[in-house]
Amino acid sequence: MTDTADGFLTRLTPKFKETNDYIAKIYKKRRLRQTKLANAS
């Protein structure tokens, strides 16, 4: 049971990391765009 769960988590972890990086990138882009808009107005 534990072996299966560990293997499952190990397989999932890289995907989660990729998704987190992707979300972080989008979030940063959005933040930058908002600050640019705020500075322009």
PDB file of N, CA and C in Angstrom:
ATOM      1  N   MET A   1       0.835  -1.198   0.000  1.00  0.00           N
ATOM      2  CA  MET A   1       0.000   0.000   0.000  1.00  0.00           C
ATOM      3  C   MET A   1       0.876   1.256   0.000  1.00  0.00           C
ATOM      4  N   THR A   2       1.829   1.328   0.921  1.00  0.00           N
ATOM      5  CA  THR A   2       2.671   2.529   0.996  1.00  0.00           C
ATOM      6  C   THR A   2       3.537   2.639  -0.253  1.00  0.00           C
ATOM      7  N   ASP A   3       4.082   1.503  -0.713  1.00  0.00           N
ATOM      8  CA  ASP A   3       4.933   1.528  -1.906  1.00  0.00           C
ATOM      9  C   ASP A   3       4.167   2.112  -3.085  1.00  0.00           C
ATOM     10  N   THR A   4       2.925   1.650  -3.259  1.00  0.00           N
ATOM     11  CA  THR A   4       2.118   2.134  -4.378  1.00  0.00           C
ATOM     12  C   THR A   4       1.872   3.625  -4.241  1.00  0.00           C
ATOM     13  N   ALA A   5       1.517   4.062  -3.039  1.00  0.00           N
ATOM     14  CA  ALA A   5       1.237   5.481  -2.818  1.00  0.00           C
ATOM     15  C   ALA A   5       2.487   6.310  -3.091  1.00  0.00           C
ATOM     16  N   ASP A   6       3.632   5.848  -2.606  1.00  0.00           N
ATOM     17  CA  ASP A   6       4.883   6.581  -2.815  1.00  0.00           C
ATOM     18  C   ASP A   6       5.203   6.673  -4.306  1.00  0.00           C
ATOM     19  N   GLY A   7       5.086   5.548  -5.005  1.00  0.00           N
ATOM     20  CA  GLY A   7       5.353   5.540  -6.438  1.00  0.00           C
ATOM     21  C   GLY A   7       4.415   6.490  -7.162  1.00  0.00           C
ATOM     22  N   PHE A   8       3.161   6.481  -6.745  1.00  0.00           N
ATOM     23  CA  PHE A   8       2.156   7.351  -7.360  1.00  0.00           C
ATOM     24  C   PHE A   8       2.534   8.810  -7.154  1.00  0.00           C
ATOM     25  N   LEU A   9       2.902   9.149  -5.915  1.00  0.00           N
ATOM     26  CA  LEU A   9       3.283  10.533  -5.605  1.00  0.00           C
ATOM     27  C   LEU A   9       4.528  10.935  -6.378  1.00  0.00           C
ATOM     28  N   THR A  10       5.495  10.019  -6.454  1.00  0.00           N
ATOM     29  CA  THR A  10       6.736  10.336  -7.159  1.00  0.00           C
ATOM     30  C   THR A  10       6.444  10.627  -8.620  1.00  0.00           C
ATOM     31  N   ARG A  11       5.501   9.880  -9.195  1.00  0.00           N
ATOM     32  CA  ARG A  11       5.162  10.096 -10.598  1.00  0.00           C
ATOM     33  C   ARG A  11       4.413  11.416 -10.766  1.00  0.00           C
ATOM     34  N   LEU A  12       3.596  11.769  -9.788  1.00  0.00           N
ATOM     35  CA  LEU A  12       2.790  12.985  -9.890  1.00  0.00           C
ATOM     36  C   LEU A  12       3.600  14.248  -9.634  1.00  0.00           C
ATOM     37  N   THR A  13       4.586  14.162  -8.756  1.00  0.00           N
ATOM     38  CA  THR A  13       5.301  15.364  -8.319  1.00  0.00           C
ATOM     39  C   THR A  13       5.852  16.209  -9.469  1.00  0.00           C
ATOM     40  N   PRO A  14       6.553  15.641 -10.455  1.00  0.00           N
ATOM     41  CA  PRO A  14       7.067  16.474 -11.554  1.00  0.00           C
ATOM     42  C   PRO A  14       5.960  17.237 -12.256  1.00  0.00           C
ATOM     43  N   LYS A  15       4.808  16.583 -12.456  1.00  0.00           N
ATOM     44  CA  LYS A  15       3.692  17.265 -13.117  1.00  0.00           C
ATOM     45  C   LYS A  15       3.260  18.457 -12.280  1.00  0.00           C
ATOM     46  N   PHE A  16       3.154  18.252 -10.979  1.00  0.00           N
ATOM     47  CA  PHE A  16       2.730  19.346 -10.100  1.00  0.00           C
ATOM     48  C   PHE A  16       3.717  20.499 -10.185  1.00  0.00           C
ATOM     49  N   LYS A  17       5.000  20.170 -10.202  1.00  0.00           N
ATOM     50  CA  LYS A  17       6.030  21.212 -10.264  1.00  0.00           C
ATOM     51  C   LYS A  17       5.886  21.999 -11.565  1.00  0.00           C
ATOM     52  N   GLU A  18       5.697  21.291 -12.676  1.00  0.00           N
ATOM     53  CA  GLU A  18       5.527  21.962 -13.965  1.00  0.00           C
ATOM     54  C   GLU A  18       4.336  22.900 -13.912  1.00  0.00           C
ATOM     55  N   THR A  19       3.225  22.395 -13.368  1.00  0.00           N
ATOM     56  CA  THR A  19       2.014  23.212 -13.296  1.00  0.00           C
ATOM     57  C   THR A  19       2.246  24.435 -12.433  1.00  0.00           C
ATOM     58  N   ASN A  20       2.924  24.245 -11.296  1.00  0.00           N
ATOM     59  CA  ASN A  20       3.187  25.375 -10.401  1.00  0.00           C
ATOM     60  C   ASN A  20       4.047  26.422 -11.098  1.00  0.00           C
ATOM     61  N   ASP A  21       5.076  25.975 -11.807  1.00  0.00           N
ATOM     62  CA  ASP A  21       5.942  26.912 -12.534  1.00  0.00           C
ATOM     63  C   ASP A  21       5.129  27.676 -13.565  1.00  0.00           C
ATOM     64  N   TYR A  22       4.256  26.939 -14.269  1.00  0.00           N
ATOM     65  CA  TYR A  22       3.426  27.548 -15.308  1.00  0.00           C
ATOM     66  C   TYR A  22       2.524  28.614 -14.703  1.00  0.00           C
ATOM     67  N   ILE A  23       1.863  28.263 -13.598  1.00  0.00           N
ATOM     68  CA  ILE A  23       0.967  29.216 -12.929  1.00  0.00           C
ATOM     69  C   ILE A  23       1.758  30.422 -12.445  1.00  0.00           C
ATOM     70  N   ALA A  24       2.932  30.176 -11.896  1.00  0.00           N
ATOM     71  CA  ALA A  24       3.760  31.275 -11.397  1.00  0.00           C
ATOM     72  C   ALA A  24       4.141  32.215 -12.536  1.00  0.00           C
ATOM     73  N   LYS A  25       4.485  31.645 -13.698  1.00  0.00           N
ATOM     74  CA  LYS A  25       4.841  32.475 -14.854  1.00  0.00           C
ATOM     75  C   LYS A  25       3.670  33.360 -15.240  1.00  0.00           C
ATOM     76  N   ILE A  26       2.492  32.754 -15.375  1.00  0.00           N
ATOM     77  CA  ILE A  26       1.299  33.520 -15.759  1.00  0.00           C
ATOM     78  C   ILE A  26       1.028  34.599 -14.728  1.00  0.00           C
ATOM     79  N   TYR A  27       1.148  34.240 -13.467  1.00  0.00           N
ATOM     80  CA  TYR A  27       0.866  35.185 -12.385  1.00  0.00           C
ATOM     81  C   TYR A  27       1.813  36.377 -12.469  1.00  0.00           C
ATOM     82  N   LYS A  28       3.105  36.094 -12.692  1.00  0.00           N
ATOM     83  CA  LYS A  28       4.087  37.177 -12.793  1.00  0.00           C
ATOM     84  C   LYS A  28       3.763  38.079 -13.973  1.00  0.00           C
ATOM     85  N   LYS A  29       3.446  37.466 -15.128  1.00  0.00           N
ATOM     86  CA  LYS A  29       3.110  38.259 -16.314  1.00  0.00           C
ATOM     87  C   LYS A  29       1.931  39.161 -16.014  1.00  0.00           C
ATOM     88  N   ARG A  30       0.923  38.597 -15.350  1.00  0.00           N
ATOM     89  CA  ARG A  30      -0.273  39.374 -15.032  1.00  0.00           C
ATOM     90  C   ARG A  30       0.078  40.533 -14.113  1.00  0.00           C
ATOM     91  N   ARG A  31       0.905  40.254 -13.108  1.00  0.00           N
ATOM     92  CA  ARG A  31       1.301  41.303 -12.156  1.00  0.00           C
ATOM     93  C   ARG A  31       2.031  42.418 -12.906  1.00  0.00           C
ATOM     94  N   LEU A  32       2.953  42.040 -13.793  1.00  0.00           N
ATOM     95  CA  LEU A  32       3.715  43.031 -14.550  1.00  0.00           C
ATOM     96  C   LEU A  32       2.783  43.884 -15.391  1.00  0.00           C
ATOM     97  N   ARG A  33       1.836  43.236 -16.065  1.00  0.00           N
ATOM     98  CA  ARG A  33       0.918  43.965 -16.927  1.00  0.00           C
ATOM     99  C   ARG A  33       0.095  44.944 -16.102  1.00  0.00           C
ATOM    100  N   GLN A  34      -0.337  44.511 -14.921  1.00  0.00           N
ATOM    101  CA  GLN A  34      -1.153  45.376 -14.069  1.00  0.00           C
ATOM    102  C   GLN A  34      -0.351  46.580 -13.601  1.00  0.00           C
ATOM    103  N   THR A  35       0.903  46.382 -13.225  1.00  0.00           N
ATOM    104  CA  THR A  35       1.709  47.509 -12.747  1.00  0.00           C
ATOM    105  C   THR A  35       1.960  48.481 -13.892  1.00  0.00           C
ATOM    106  N   LYS A  36       2.181  47.953 -15.103  1.00  0.00           N
ATOM    107  CA  LYS A  36       2.391  48.836 -16.255  1.00  0.00           C
ATOM    108  C   LYS A  36       1.146  49.673 -16.495  1.00  0.00           C
ATOM    109  N   LEU A  37      -0.017  49.038 -16.435  1.00  0.00           N
ATOM    110  CA  LEU A  37      -1.274  49.759 -16.641  1.00  0.00           C
ATOM    111  C   LEU A  37      -1.456  50.810 -15.562  1.00  0.00           C
ATOM    112  N   ALA A  38      -1.153  50.442 -14.335  1.00  0.00           N
ATOM    113  CA  ALA A  38      -1.330  51.373 -13.214  1.00  0.00           C
ATOM    114  C   ALA A  38      -0.397  52.571 -13.380  1.00  0.00           C
ATOM    115  N   ASN A  39       0.821  52.316 -13.832  1.00  0.00           N
ATOM    116  CA  ASN A  39       1.778  53.408 -14.018  1.00  0.00           C
ATOM    117  C   ASN A  39       1.374  54.298 -15.191  1.00  0.00           C
ATOM    118  N   ALA A  40       0.779  53.708 -16.214  1.00  0.00           N
ATOM    119  CA  ALA A  40       0.404  54.470 -17.404  1.00  0.00           C
ATOM    120  C   ALA A  40      -0.748  55.421 -17.100  1.00  0.00           C
ATOM    121  N   SER A  41      -1.684  54.976 -16.283  1.00  0.00           N
ATOM    122  CA  SER A  41      -2.866  55.812 -16.041  1.00  0.00           C
ATOM    123  C   SER A  41      -2.587  56.911 -15.033  1.00  0.00           C
TER     124      SER A  41
END
